[in-house]
Amino acid sequence: MLLIEIPVAILLGLSLAIRGWGRPEDQSGAPTMDWVPVLWLGGFTLGVLIIAIVFLLSAHPYAGAVQLLIAAIALSFTMTACHEEYERAHPPPLPTCPTRAGTPCTSPDSATDR
């Protein structure tokens, strides 16, 4: 089972990495949260966890323990992807400008300050 999971994990990682290449970083407004990486990694984690339970119930404790370890690692990747997507979708607010009360600071631009 481990020999099947390794290529699946590599393919999953490559597809998620390639998917992020075309993402424009300069969007106006807040971007929406992208759930695809979270769902793909969560599905992989769930599959590994099911395999671990099958191994544990079929009297293969060492194989089940290895699968549980892989599931824990996959869960950490899933939670990291979820956190990164949340942070990307919810950027921190701009600090308030001390010269103009209550308005957010922007980059200095001579055309807008007139």
PDB file of N, CA and C in Angstrom:
ATOM      1  N   MET A   1       0.827  -1.196   0.000  1.00  0.00           N
ATOM      2  CA  MET A   1       0.000   0.000   0.000  1.00  0.00           C
ATOM      3  C   MET A   1       0.868   1.254   0.000  1.00  0.00           C
ATOM      4  N   LEU A   2       2.000   1.176   0.679  1.00  0.00           N
ATOM      5  CA  LEU A   2       2.878   2.329   0.727  1.00  0.00           C
ATOM      6  C   LEU A   2       3.441   2.650  -0.658  1.00  0.00           C
ATOM      7  N   LEU A   3       3.666   1.617  -1.458  1.00  0.00           N
ATOM      8  CA  LEU A   3       4.169   1.840  -2.812  1.00  0.00           C
ATOM      9  C   LEU A   3       3.123   2.505  -3.706  1.00  0.00           C
ATOM     10  N   ILE A   4       1.859   2.362  -3.372  1.00  0.00           N
ATOM     11  CA  ILE A   4       0.801   3.038  -4.124  1.00  0.00           C
ATOM     12  C   ILE A   4       0.637   4.475  -3.617  1.00  0.00           C
ATOM     13  N   GLU A   5       0.782   4.676  -2.313  1.00  0.00           N
ATOM     14  CA  GLU A   5       0.562   5.999  -1.728  1.00  0.00           C
ATOM     15  C   GLU A   5       1.646   7.000  -2.125  1.00  0.00           C
ATOM     16  N   ILE A   6       2.876   6.545  -2.277  1.00  0.00           N
ATOM     17  CA  ILE A   6       3.973   7.463  -2.607  1.00  0.00           C
ATOM     18  C   ILE A   6       3.752   8.129  -3.963  1.00  0.00           C
ATOM     19  N   PRO A   7       3.472   7.380  -5.051  1.00  0.00           N
ATOM     20  CA  PRO A   7       3.219   8.080  -6.324  1.00  0.00           C
ATOM     21  C   PRO A   7       1.968   8.953  -6.295  1.00  0.00           C
ATOM     22  N   VAL A   8       0.944   8.524  -5.561  1.00  0.00           N
ATOM     23  CA  VAL A   8      -0.267   9.339  -5.459  1.00  0.00           C
ATOM     24  C   VAL A   8       0.051  10.653  -4.747  1.00  0.00           C
ATOM     25  N   ALA A   9       0.845  10.588  -3.683  1.00  0.00           N
ATOM     26  CA  ALA A   9       1.217  11.810  -2.959  1.00  0.00           C
ATOM     27  C   ALA A   9       2.073  12.722  -3.828  1.00  0.00           C
ATOM     28  N   ILE A  10       2.996  12.152  -4.595  1.00  0.00           N
ATOM     29  CA  ILE A  10       3.834  12.968  -5.479  1.00  0.00           C
ATOM     30  C   ILE A  10       2.980  13.614  -6.564  1.00  0.00           C
ATOM     31  N   LEU A  11       2.070  12.860  -7.157  1.00  0.00           N
ATOM     32  CA  LEU A  11       1.182  13.408  -8.180  1.00  0.00           C
ATOM     33  C   LEU A  11       0.293  14.504  -7.607  1.00  0.00           C
ATOM     34  N   LEU A  12      -0.207  14.302  -6.400  1.00  0.00           N
ATOM     35  CA  LEU A  12      -1.040  15.300  -5.744  1.00  0.00           C
ATOM     36  C   LEU A  12      -0.251  16.574  -5.482  1.00  0.00           C
ATOM     37  N   GLY A  13       0.967  16.431  -4.984  1.00  0.00           N
ATOM     38  CA  GLY A  13       1.800  17.608  -4.726  1.00  0.00           C
ATOM     39  C   GLY A  13       2.138  18.369  -5.990  1.00  0.00           C
ATOM     40  N   LEU A  14       2.475  17.646  -7.053  1.00  0.00           N
ATOM     41  CA  LEU A  14       2.788  18.309  -8.326  1.00  0.00           C
ATOM     42  C   LEU A  14       1.583  19.025  -8.912  1.00  0.00           C
ATOM     43  N   SER A  15       0.424  18.386  -8.856  1.00  0.00           N
ATOM     44  CA  SER A  15      -0.763  19.021  -9.428  1.00  0.00           C
ATOM     45  C   SER A  15      -1.160  20.272  -8.638  1.00  0.00           C
ATOM     46  N   LEU A  16      -0.997  20.243  -7.323  1.00  0.00           N
ATOM     47  CA  LEU A  16      -1.325  21.425  -6.533  1.00  0.00           C
ATOM     48  C   LEU A  16      -0.290  22.533  -6.734  1.00  0.00           C
ATOM     49  N   ALA A  17       0.965  22.155  -6.932  1.00  0.00           N
ATOM     50  CA  ALA A  17       2.001  23.167  -7.172  1.00  0.00           C
ATOM     51  C   ALA A  17       1.815  23.825  -8.533  1.00  0.00           C
ATOM     52  N   ILE A  18       1.522  23.041  -9.549  1.00  0.00           N
ATOM     53  CA  ILE A  18       1.317  23.584 -10.884  1.00  0.00           C
ATOM     54  C   ILE A  18       0.055  24.431 -10.927  1.00  0.00           C
ATOM     55  N   ARG A  19      -0.952  24.054 -10.169  1.00  0.00           N
ATOM     56  CA  ARG A  19      -2.209  24.789 -10.143  1.00  0.00           C
ATOM     57  C   ARG A  19      -2.016  26.215  -9.632  1.00  0.00           C
ATOM     58  N   GLY A  20      -1.083  26.413  -8.705  1.00  0.00           N
ATOM     59  CA  GLY A  20      -0.864  27.735  -8.137  1.00  0.00           C
ATOM     60  C   GLY A  20      -0.027  28.654  -9.001  1.00  0.00           C
ATOM     61  N   TRP A  21       0.590  28.159 -10.080  1.00  0.00           N
ATOM     62  CA  TRP A  21       1.440  28.996 -10.921  1.00  0.00           C
ATOM     63  C   TRP A  21       0.663  30.070 -11.646  1.00  0.00           C
ATOM     64  N   GLY A  22      -0.528  29.787 -12.103  1.00  0.00           N
ATOM     65  CA  GLY A  22      -1.292  30.741 -12.890  1.00  0.00           C
ATOM     66  C   GLY A  22      -2.092  31.715 -12.069  1.00  0.00           C
ATOM     67  N   ARG A  23      -1.926  31.701 -10.770  1.00  0.00           N
ATOM     68  CA  ARG A  23      -2.717  32.555  -9.893  1.00  0.00           C
ATOM     69  C   ARG A  23      -2.155  33.973  -9.884  1.00  0.00           C
ATOM     70  N   PRO A  24      -2.935  34.942 -10.314  1.00  0.00           N
ATOM     71  CA  PRO A  24      -2.431  36.326 -10.277  1.00  0.00           C
ATOM     72  C   PRO A  24      -2.380  36.831  -8.835  1.00  0.00           C
ATOM     73  N   GLU A  25      -1.279  37.474  -8.468  1.00  0.00           N
ATOM     74  CA  GLU A  25      -1.112  37.959  -7.099  1.00  0.00           C
ATOM     75  C   GLU A  25      -1.666  39.366  -6.906  1.00  0.00           C
ATOM     76  N   ASP A  26      -1.839  40.121  -7.971  1.00  0.00           N
ATOM     77  CA  ASP A  26      -2.281  41.511  -7.870  1.00  0.00           C
ATOM     78  C   ASP A  26      -3.761  41.625  -8.183  1.00  0.00           C
ATOM     79  N   GLN A  27      -4.611  41.096  -7.337  1.00  0.00           N
ATOM     80  CA  GLN A  27      -6.047  41.203  -7.550  1.00  0.00           C
ATOM     81  C   GLN A  27      -6.589  42.356  -6.720  1.00  0.00           C
ATOM     82  N   SER A  28      -7.592  43.024  -7.245  1.00  0.00           N
ATOM     83  CA  SER A  28      -8.227  44.066  -6.463  1.00  0.00           C
ATOM     84  C   SER A  28      -9.265  43.418  -5.556  1.00  0.00           C
ATOM     85  N   GLY A  29      -9.320  43.852  -4.331  1.00  0.00           N
ATOM     86  CA  GLY A  29     -10.240  43.278  -3.368  1.00  0.00           C
ATOM     87  C   GLY A  29      -9.674  42.007  -2.765  1.00  0.00           C
ATOM     88  N   ALA A  30     -10.402  41.457  -1.842  1.00  0.00           N
ATOM     89  CA  ALA A  30      -9.958  40.239  -1.172  1.00  0.00           C
ATOM     90  C   ALA A  30     -10.317  39.019  -2.020  1.00  0.00           C
ATOM     91  N   PRO A  31      -9.354  38.106  -2.244  1.00  0.00           N
ATOM     92  CA  PRO A  31      -9.669  36.907  -3.016  1.00  0.00           C
ATOM     93  C   PRO A  31     -10.503  35.937  -2.176  1.00  0.00           C
ATOM     94  N   THR A  32     -11.207  35.067  -2.845  1.00  0.00           N
ATOM     95  CA  THR A  32     -11.978  34.063  -2.126  1.00  0.00           C
ATOM     96  C   THR A  32     -11.071  32.906  -1.730  1.00  0.00           C
ATOM     97  N   MET A  33     -11.499  32.140  -0.755  1.00  0.00           N
ATOM     98  CA  MET A  33     -10.700  31.009  -0.288  1.00  0.00           C
ATOM     99  C   MET A  33     -10.786  29.874  -1.295  1.00  0.00           C
ATOM    100  N   ASP A  34      -9.636  29.321  -1.646  1.00  0.00           N
ATOM    101  CA  ASP A  34      -9.555  28.227  -2.606  1.00  0.00           C
ATOM    102  C   ASP A  34      -9.583  26.914  -1.826  1.00  0.00           C
ATOM    103  N   TRP A  35     -10.664  26.166  -1.961  1.00  0.00           N
ATOM    104  CA  TRP A  35     -10.841  24.949  -1.185  1.00  0.00           C
ATOM    105  C   TRP A  35     -10.251  23.712  -1.856  1.00  0.00           C
ATOM    106  N   VAL A  36      -9.807  23.809  -3.096  1.00  0.00           N
ATOM    107  CA  VAL A  36      -9.337  22.629  -3.828  1.00  0.00           C
ATOM    108  C   VAL A  36      -8.149  21.955  -3.146  1.00  0.00           C
ATOM    109  N   PRO A  37      -7.083  22.684  -2.753  1.00  0.00           N
ATOM    110  CA  PRO A  37      -5.974  21.993  -2.087  1.00  0.00           C
ATOM    111  C   PRO A  37      -6.392  21.339  -0.773  1.00  0.00           C
ATOM    112  N   VAL A  38      -7.253  22.003  -0.041  1.00  0.00           N
ATOM    113  CA  VAL A  38      -7.700  21.457   1.245  1.00  0.00           C
ATOM    114  C   VAL A  38      -8.499  20.175   1.028  1.00  0.00           C
ATOM    115  N   LEU A  39      -9.381  20.174   0.038  1.00  0.00           N
ATOM    116  CA  LEU A  39     -10.202  18.990  -0.218  1.00  0.00           C
ATOM    117  C   LEU A  39      -9.371  17.830  -0.770  1.00  0.00           C
ATOM    118  N   TRP A  40      -8.416  18.112  -1.674  1.00  0.00           N
ATOM    119  CA  TRP A  40      -7.568  17.051  -2.215  1.00  0.00           C
ATOM    120  C   TRP A  40      -6.708  16.428  -1.111  1.00  0.00           C
ATOM    121  N   LEU A  41      -6.066  17.273  -0.322  1.00  0.00           N
ATOM    122  CA  LEU A  41      -5.222  16.742   0.746  1.00  0.00           C
ATOM    123  C   LEU A  41      -6.062  16.054   1.820  1.00  0.00           C
ATOM    124  N   GLY A  42      -7.235  16.589   2.103  1.00  0.00           N
ATOM    125  CA  GLY A  42      -8.119  15.943   3.073  1.00  0.00           C
ATOM    126  C   GLY A  42      -8.595  14.581   2.594  1.00  0.00           C
ATOM    127  N   GLY A  43      -8.894  14.466   1.303  1.00  0.00           N
ATOM    128  CA  GLY A  43      -9.292  13.175   0.742  1.00  0.00           C
ATOM    129  C   GLY A  43      -8.162  12.159   0.803  1.00  0.00           C
ATOM    130  N   PHE A  44      -6.946  12.612   0.500  1.00  0.00           N
ATOM    131  CA  PHE A  44      -5.781  11.727   0.600  1.00  0.00           C
ATOM    132  C   PHE A  44      -5.575  11.274   2.043  1.00  0.00           C
ATOM    133  N   THR A  45      -5.707  12.194   2.982  1.00  0.00           N
ATOM    134  CA  THR A  45      -5.560  11.863   4.400  1.00  0.00           C
ATOM    135  C   THR A  45      -6.619  10.861   4.833  1.00  0.00           C
ATOM    136  N   LEU A  46      -7.834  11.072   4.413  1.00  0.00           N
ATOM    137  CA  LEU A  46      -8.914  10.152   4.759  1.00  0.00           C
ATOM    138  C   LEU A  46      -8.669   8.765   4.171  1.00  0.00           C
ATOM    139  N   GLY A  47      -8.190   8.700   2.923  1.00  0.00           N
ATOM    140  CA  GLY A  47      -7.874   7.410   2.308  1.00  0.00           C
ATOM    141  C   GLY A  47      -6.784   6.659   3.063  1.00  0.00           C
ATOM    142  N   VAL A  48      -5.737   7.371   3.464  1.00  0.00           N
ATOM    143  CA  VAL A  48      -4.654   6.739   4.226  1.00  0.00           C
ATOM    144  C   VAL A  48      -5.163   6.282   5.585  1.00  0.00           C
ATOM    145  N   LEU A  49      -6.022   7.061   6.200  1.00  0.00           N
ATOM    146  CA  LEU A  49      -6.576   6.680   7.500  1.00  0.00           C
ATOM    147  C   LEU A  49      -7.460   5.440   7.392  1.00  0.00           C
ATOM    148  N   ILE A  50      -8.229   5.332   6.329  1.00  0.00           N
ATOM    149  CA  ILE A  50      -9.065   4.136   6.129  1.00  0.00           C
ATOM    150  C   ILE A  50      -8.187   2.907   5.927  1.00  0.00           C
ATOM    151  N   ILE A  51      -7.116   3.055   5.155  1.00  0.00           N
ATOM    152  CA  ILE A  51      -6.188   1.935   4.960  1.00  0.00           C
ATOM    153  C   ILE A  51      -5.545   1.537   6.291  1.00  0.00           C
ATOM    154  N   ALA A  52      -5.218   2.520   7.127  1.00  0.00           N
ATOM    155  CA  ALA A  52      -4.635   2.221   8.439  1.00  0.00           C
ATOM    156  C   ALA A  52      -5.609   1.443   9.312  1.00  0.00           C
ATOM    157  N   ILE A  53      -6.870   1.826   9.281  1.00  0.00           N
ATOM    158  CA  ILE A  53      -7.875   1.113  10.080  1.00  0.00           C
ATOM    159  C   ILE A  53      -8.050  -0.310   9.579  1.00  0.00           C
ATOM    160  N   VAL A  54      -8.048  -0.483   8.252  1.00  0.00           N
ATOM    161  CA  VAL A  54      -8.160  -1.837   7.690  1.00  0.00           C
ATOM    162  C   VAL A  54      -6.973  -2.692   8.131  1.00  0.00           C
ATOM    163  N   PHE A  55      -5.776  -2.144   8.078  1.00  0.00           N
ATOM    164  CA  PHE A  55      -4.599  -2.890   8.523  1.00  0.00           C
ATOM    165  C   PHE A  55      -4.673  -3.226  10.009  1.00  0.00           C
ATOM    166  N   LEU A  56      -5.116  -2.288  10.823  1.00  0.00           N
ATOM    167  CA  LEU A  56      -5.195  -2.542  12.255  1.00  0.00           C
ATOM    168  C   LEU A  56      -6.248  -3.604  12.576  1.00  0.00           C
ATOM    169  N   LEU A  57      -7.359  -3.590  11.870  1.00  0.00           N
ATOM    170  CA  LEU A  57      -8.408  -4.579  12.118  1.00  0.00           C
ATOM    171  C   LEU A  57      -8.077  -5.952  11.543  1.00  0.00           C
ATOM    172  N   SER A  58      -7.176  -5.998  10.561  1.00  0.00           N
ATOM    173  CA  SER A  58      -6.819  -7.290   9.968  1.00  0.00           C
ATOM    174  C   SER A  58      -5.545  -7.879  10.575  1.00  0.00           C
ATOM    175  N   ALA A  59      -5.218  -7.476  11.786  1.00  0.00           N
ATOM    176  CA  ALA A  59      -4.107  -8.022  12.569  1.00  0.00           C
ATOM    177  C   ALA A  59      -2.741  -7.750  11.944  1.00  0.00           C
ATOM    178  N   HIS A  60      -2.571  -6.549  11.377  1.00  0.00           N
ATOM    179  CA  HIS A  60      -1.266  -6.099  10.894  1.00  0.00           C
ATOM    180  C   HIS A  60      -0.924  -4.801  11.621  1.00  0.00           C
ATOM    181  N   PRO A  61      -0.504  -4.905  12.888  1.00  0.00           N
ATOM    182  CA  PRO A  61      -0.335  -3.686  13.684  1.00  0.00           C
ATOM    183  C   PRO A  61       0.808  -2.789  13.198  1.00  0.00           C
ATOM    184  N   TYR A  62       1.878  -3.372  12.696  1.00  0.00           N
ATOM    185  CA  TYR A  62       2.997  -2.536  12.252  1.00  0.00           C
ATOM    186  C   TYR A  62       2.650  -1.765  10.980  1.00  0.00           C
ATOM    187  N   ALA A  63       2.011  -2.425  10.050  1.00  0.00           N
ATOM    188  CA  ALA A  63       1.592  -1.732   8.830  1.00  0.00           C
ATOM    189  C   ALA A  63       0.558  -0.663   9.160  1.00  0.00           C
ATOM    190  N   GLY A  64      -0.342  -0.968  10.100  1.00  0.00           N
ATOM    191  CA  GLY A  64      -1.336   0.022  10.525  1.00  0.00           C
ATOM    192  C   GLY A  64      -0.696   1.214  11.214  1.00  0.00           C
ATOM    193  N   ALA A  65       0.348   0.966  12.005  1.00  0.00           N
ATOM    194  CA  ALA A  65       1.043   2.056  12.687  1.00  0.00           C
ATOM    195  C   ALA A  65       1.761   2.960  11.681  1.00  0.00           C
ATOM    196  N   VAL A  66       2.366   2.354  10.667  1.00  0.00           N
ATOM    197  CA  VAL A  66       3.026   3.152   9.631  1.00  0.00           C
ATOM    198  C   VAL A  66       1.987   3.994   8.890  1.00  0.00           C
ATOM    199  N   GLN A  67       0.848   3.411   8.597  1.00  0.00           N
ATOM    200  CA  GLN A  67      -0.209   4.147   7.913  1.00  0.00           C
ATOM    201  C   GLN A  67      -0.745   5.286   8.790  1.00  0.00           C
ATOM    202  N   LEU A  68      -0.856   5.051  10.095  1.00  0.00           N
ATOM    203  CA  LEU A  68      -1.290   6.116  10.992  1.00  0.00           C
ATOM    204  C   LEU A  68      -0.276   7.256  11.023  1.00  0.00           C
ATOM    205  N   LEU A  69       1.007   6.918  10.969  1.00  0.00           N
ATOM    206  CA  LEU A  69       2.045   7.947  10.924  1.00  0.00           C
ATOM    207  C   LEU A  69       1.941   8.755   9.629  1.00  0.00           C
ATOM    208  N   ILE A  70       1.735   8.074   8.521  1.00  0.00           N
ATOM    209  CA  ILE A  70       1.576   8.767   7.232  1.00  0.00           C
ATOM    210  C   ILE A  70       0.309   9.628   7.255  1.00  0.00           C
ATOM    211  N   ALA A  71      -0.747   9.123   7.874  1.00  0.00           N
ATOM    212  CA  ALA A  71      -1.983   9.907   7.975  1.00  0.00           C
ATOM    213  C   ALA A  71      -1.768  11.162   8.819  1.00  0.00           C
ATOM    214  N   ALA A  72      -0.967  11.057   9.883  1.00  0.00           N
ATOM    215  CA  ALA A  72      -0.682  12.224  10.716  1.00  0.00           C
ATOM    216  C   ALA A  72       0.115  13.267   9.928  1.00  0.00           C
ATOM    217  N   ILE A  73       1.075  12.813   9.126  1.00  0.00           N
ATOM    218  CA  ILE A  73       1.853  13.737   8.303  1.00  0.00           C
ATOM    219  C   ILE A  73       0.956  14.390   7.249  1.00  0.00           C
ATOM    220  N   ALA A  74       0.103  13.597   6.619  1.00  0.00           N
ATOM    221  CA  ALA A  74      -0.815  14.141   5.611  1.00  0.00           C
ATOM    222  C   ALA A  74      -1.798  15.122   6.251  1.00  0.00           C
ATOM    223  N   LEU A  75      -2.224  14.847   7.483  1.00  0.00           N
ATOM    224  CA  LEU A  75      -3.118  15.767   8.183  1.00  0.00           C
ATOM    225  C   LEU A  75      -2.429  17.094   8.462  1.00  0.00           C
ATOM    226  N   SER A  76      -1.142  17.055   8.803  1.00  0.00           N
ATOM    227  CA  SER A  76      -0.421  18.308   9.031  1.00  0.00           C
ATOM    228  C   SER A  76      -0.317  19.117   7.731  1.00  0.00           C
ATOM    229  N   PHE A  77      -0.106  18.445   6.592  1.00  0.00           N
ATOM    230  CA  PHE A  77      -0.088  19.143   5.308  1.00  0.00           C
ATOM    231  C   PHE A  77      -1.463  19.725   4.982  1.00  0.00           C
ATOM    232  N   THR A  78      -2.519  18.987   5.310  1.00  0.00           N
ATOM    233  CA  THR A  78      -3.881  19.470   5.064  1.00  0.00           C
ATOM    234  C   THR A  78      -4.170  20.715   5.889  1.00  0.00           C
ATOM    235  N   MET A  79      -3.799  20.686   7.152  1.00  0.00           N
ATOM    236  CA  MET A  79      -4.044  21.838   8.020  1.00  0.00           C
ATOM    237  C   MET A  79      -3.196  23.039   7.600  1.00  0.00           C
ATOM    238  N   THR A  80      -1.975  22.791   7.136  1.00  0.00           N
ATOM    239  CA  THR A  80      -1.132  23.886   6.645  1.00  0.00           C
ATOM    240  C   THR A  80      -1.737  24.515   5.397  1.00  0.00           C
ATOM    241  N   ALA A  81      -2.226  23.689   4.479  1.00  0.00           N
ATOM    242  CA  ALA A  81      -2.858  24.218   3.271  1.00  0.00           C
ATOM    243  C   ALA A  81      -4.102  25.032   3.617  1.00  0.00           C
ATOM    244  N   CYS A  82      -4.881  24.552   4.569  1.00  0.00           N
ATOM    245  CA  CYS A  82      -6.082  25.277   4.989  1.00  0.00           C
ATOM    246  C   CYS A  82      -5.705  26.628   5.599  1.00  0.00           C
ATOM    247  N   HIS A  83      -4.676  26.639   6.433  1.00  0.00           N
ATOM    248  CA  HIS A  83      -4.250  27.887   7.065  1.00  0.00           C
ATOM    249  C   HIS A  83      -3.709  28.877   6.028  1.00  0.00           C
ATOM    250  N   GLU A  84      -2.907  28.395   5.074  1.00  0.00           N
ATOM    251  CA  GLU A  84      -2.361  29.277   4.048  1.00  0.00           C
ATOM    252  C   GLU A  84      -3.463  29.870   3.170  1.00  0.00           C
ATOM    253  N   GLU A  85      -4.446  29.053   2.804  1.00  0.00           N
ATOM    254  CA  GLU A  85      -5.541  29.567   1.984  1.00  0.00           C
ATOM    255  C   GLU A  85      -6.385  30.571   2.763  1.00  0.00           C
ATOM    256  N   TYR A  86      -6.574  30.327   4.064  1.00  0.00           N
ATOM    257  CA  TYR A  86      -7.328  31.266   4.881  1.00  0.00           C
ATOM    258  C   TYR A  86      -6.586  32.597   4.987  1.00  0.00           C
ATOM    259  N   GLU A  87      -5.267  32.531   5.207  1.00  0.00           N
ATOM    260  CA  GLU A  87      -4.474  33.749   5.308  1.00  0.00           C
ATOM    261  C   GLU A  87      -4.459  34.519   3.982  1.00  0.00           C
ATOM    262  N   ARG A  88      -4.436  33.793   2.851  1.00  0.00           N
ATOM    263  CA  ARG A  88      -4.451  34.449   1.550  1.00  0.00           C
ATOM    264  C   ARG A  88      -5.796  35.122   1.295  1.00  0.00           C
ATOM    265  N   ALA A  89      -6.869  34.479   1.729  1.00  0.00           N
ATOM    266  CA  ALA A  89      -8.205  35.021   1.492  1.00  0.00           C
ATOM    267  C   ALA A  89      -8.579  36.130   2.476  1.00  0.00           C
ATOM    268  N   HIS A  90      -7.916  36.184   3.614  1.00  0.00           N
ATOM    269  CA  HIS A  90      -8.213  37.197   4.631  1.00  0.00           C
ATOM    270  C   HIS A  90      -6.933  37.954   4.981  1.00  0.00           C
ATOM    271  N   PRO A  91      -6.485  38.877   4.113  1.00  0.00           N
ATOM    272  CA  PRO A  91      -5.259  39.612   4.405  1.00  0.00           C
ATOM    273  C   PRO A  91      -5.459  40.550   5.593  1.00  0.00           C
ATOM    274  N   PRO A  92      -4.373  40.866   6.304  1.00  0.00           N
ATOM    275  CA  PRO A  92      -4.518  41.784   7.442  1.00  0.00           C
ATOM    276  C   PRO A  92      -4.873  43.186   6.952  1.00  0.00           C
ATOM    277  N   PRO A  93      -5.620  43.938   7.742  1.00  0.00           N
ATOM    278  CA  PRO A  93      -5.998  45.283   7.305  1.00  0.00           C
ATOM    279  C   PRO A  93      -4.783  46.212   7.315  1.00  0.00           C
ATOM    280  N   LEU A  94      -4.873  47.248   6.501  1.00  0.00           N
ATOM    281  CA  LEU A  94      -3.809  48.241   6.476  1.00  0.00           C
ATOM    282  C   LEU A  94      -3.815  49.029   7.781  1.00  0.00           C
ATOM    283  N   PRO A  95      -2.647  49.437   8.256  1.00  0.00           N
ATOM    284  CA  PRO A  95      -2.628  50.241   9.487  1.00  0.00           C
ATOM    285  C   PRO A  95      -3.220  51.626   9.215  1.00  0.00           C
ATOM    286  N   THR A  96      -3.762  52.225  10.269  1.00  0.00           N
ATOM    287  CA  THR A  96      -4.338  53.560  10.099  1.00  0.00           C
ATOM    288  C   THR A  96      -3.219  54.584   9.985  1.00  0.00           C
ATOM    289  N   CYS A  97      -3.477  55.597   9.214  1.00  0.00           N
ATOM    290  CA  CYS A  97      -2.485  56.629   8.944  1.00  0.00           C
ATOM    291  C   CYS A  97      -2.512  57.652  10.086  1.00  0.00           C
ATOM    292  N   PRO A  98      -1.365  57.990  10.640  1.00  0.00           N
ATOM    293  CA  PRO A  98      -1.383  58.961  11.741  1.00  0.00           C
ATOM    294  C   PRO A  98      -1.724  60.376  11.279  1.00  0.00           C
ATOM    295  N   THR A  99      -1.509  60.688  10.008  1.00  0.00           N
ATOM    296  CA  THR A  99      -1.800  62.048   9.541  1.00  0.00           C
ATOM    297  C   THR A  99      -3.268  62.245   9.202  1.00  0.00           C
ATOM    298  N   ARG A 100      -3.936  61.183   8.762  1.00  0.00           N
ATOM    299  CA  ARG A 100      -5.358  61.268   8.430  1.00  0.00           C
ATOM    300  C   ARG A 100      -6.106  60.300   9.340  1.00  0.00           C
ATOM    301  N   ALA A 101      -6.831  60.796  10.283  1.00  0.00           N
ATOM    302  CA  ALA A 101      -7.469  59.973  11.312  1.00  0.00           C
ATOM    303  C   ALA A 101      -8.487  59.022  10.705  1.00  0.00           C
ATOM    304  N   GLY A 102      -8.320  57.737  11.003  1.00  0.00           N
ATOM    305  CA  GLY A 102      -9.282  56.725  10.613  1.00  0.00           C
ATOM    306  C   GLY A 102      -9.143  56.192   9.202  1.00  0.00           C
ATOM    307  N   THR A 103      -8.302  56.769   8.364  1.00  0.00           N
ATOM    308  CA  THR A 103      -8.150  56.268   7.001  1.00  0.00           C
ATOM    309  C   THR A 103      -6.929  55.369   6.928  1.00  0.00           C
ATOM    310  N   PRO A 104      -7.000  54.298   6.155  1.00  0.00           N
ATOM    311  CA  PRO A 104      -5.846  53.415   6.043  1.00  0.00           C
ATOM    312  C   PRO A 104      -4.723  54.055   5.248  1.00  0.00           C
ATOM    313  N   CYS A 105      -3.505  53.748   5.643  1.00  0.00           N
ATOM    314  CA  CYS A 105      -2.336  54.275   4.929  1.00  0.00           C
ATOM    315  C   CYS A 105      -2.211  53.583   3.580  1.00  0.00           C
ATOM    316  N   THR A 106      -1.812  54.318   2.589  1.00  0.00           N
ATOM    317  CA  THR A 106      -1.556  53.763   1.277  1.00  0.00           C
ATOM    318  C   THR A 106      -0.136  54.120   0.882  1.00  0.00           C
ATOM    319  N   SER A 107       0.316  53.575  -0.200  1.00  0.00           N
ATOM    320  CA  SER A 107       1.658  53.902  -0.663  1.00  0.00           C
ATOM    321  C   SER A 107       1.700  55.357  -1.094  1.00  0.00           C
ATOM    322  N   PRO A 108       2.812  56.016  -0.832  1.00  0.00           N
ATOM    323  CA  PRO A 108       2.880  57.444  -1.227  1.00  0.00           C
ATOM    324  C   PRO A 108       2.863  57.589  -2.742  1.00  0.00           C
ATOM    325  N   ASP A 109       1.919  58.349  -3.203  1.00  0.00           N
ATOM    326  CA  ASP A 109       1.771  58.585  -4.635  1.00  0.00           C
ATOM    327  C   ASP A 109       1.435  60.068  -4.799  1.00  0.00           C
ATOM    328  N   SER A 110       2.233  60.756  -5.576  1.00  0.00           N
ATOM    329  CA  SER A 110       2.042  62.196  -5.711  1.00  0.00           C
ATOM    330  C   SER A 110       0.727  62.530  -6.424  1.00  0.00           C
ATOM    331  N   ALA A 111       0.217  61.640  -7.233  1.00  0.00           N
ATOM    332  CA  ALA A 111      -1.012  61.935  -7.980  1.00  0.00           C
ATOM    333  C   ALA A 111      -2.243  61.888  -7.084  1.00  0.00           C
ATOM    334  N   THR A 112      -2.232  61.054  -6.038  1.00  0.00           N
ATOM    335  CA  THR A 112      -3.414  60.921  -5.188  1.00  0.00           C
ATOM    336  C   THR A 112      -3.405  61.896  -4.017  1.00  0.00           C
ATOM    337  N   ASP A 113      -2.273  62.489  -3.672  1.00  0.00           N
ATOM    338  CA  ASP A 113      -2.203  63.392  -2.526  1.00  0.00           C
ATOM    339  C   ASP A 113      -2.640  64.817  -2.849  1.00  0.00           C
ATOM    340  N   ARG A 114      -2.958  65.107  -4.076  1.00  0.00           N
ATOM    341  CA  ARG A 114      -3.325  66.485  -4.448  1.00  0.00           C
ATOM    342  C   ARG A 114      -4.725  66.806  -4.091  1.00  0.00           C
TER     343      ARG A 114
END
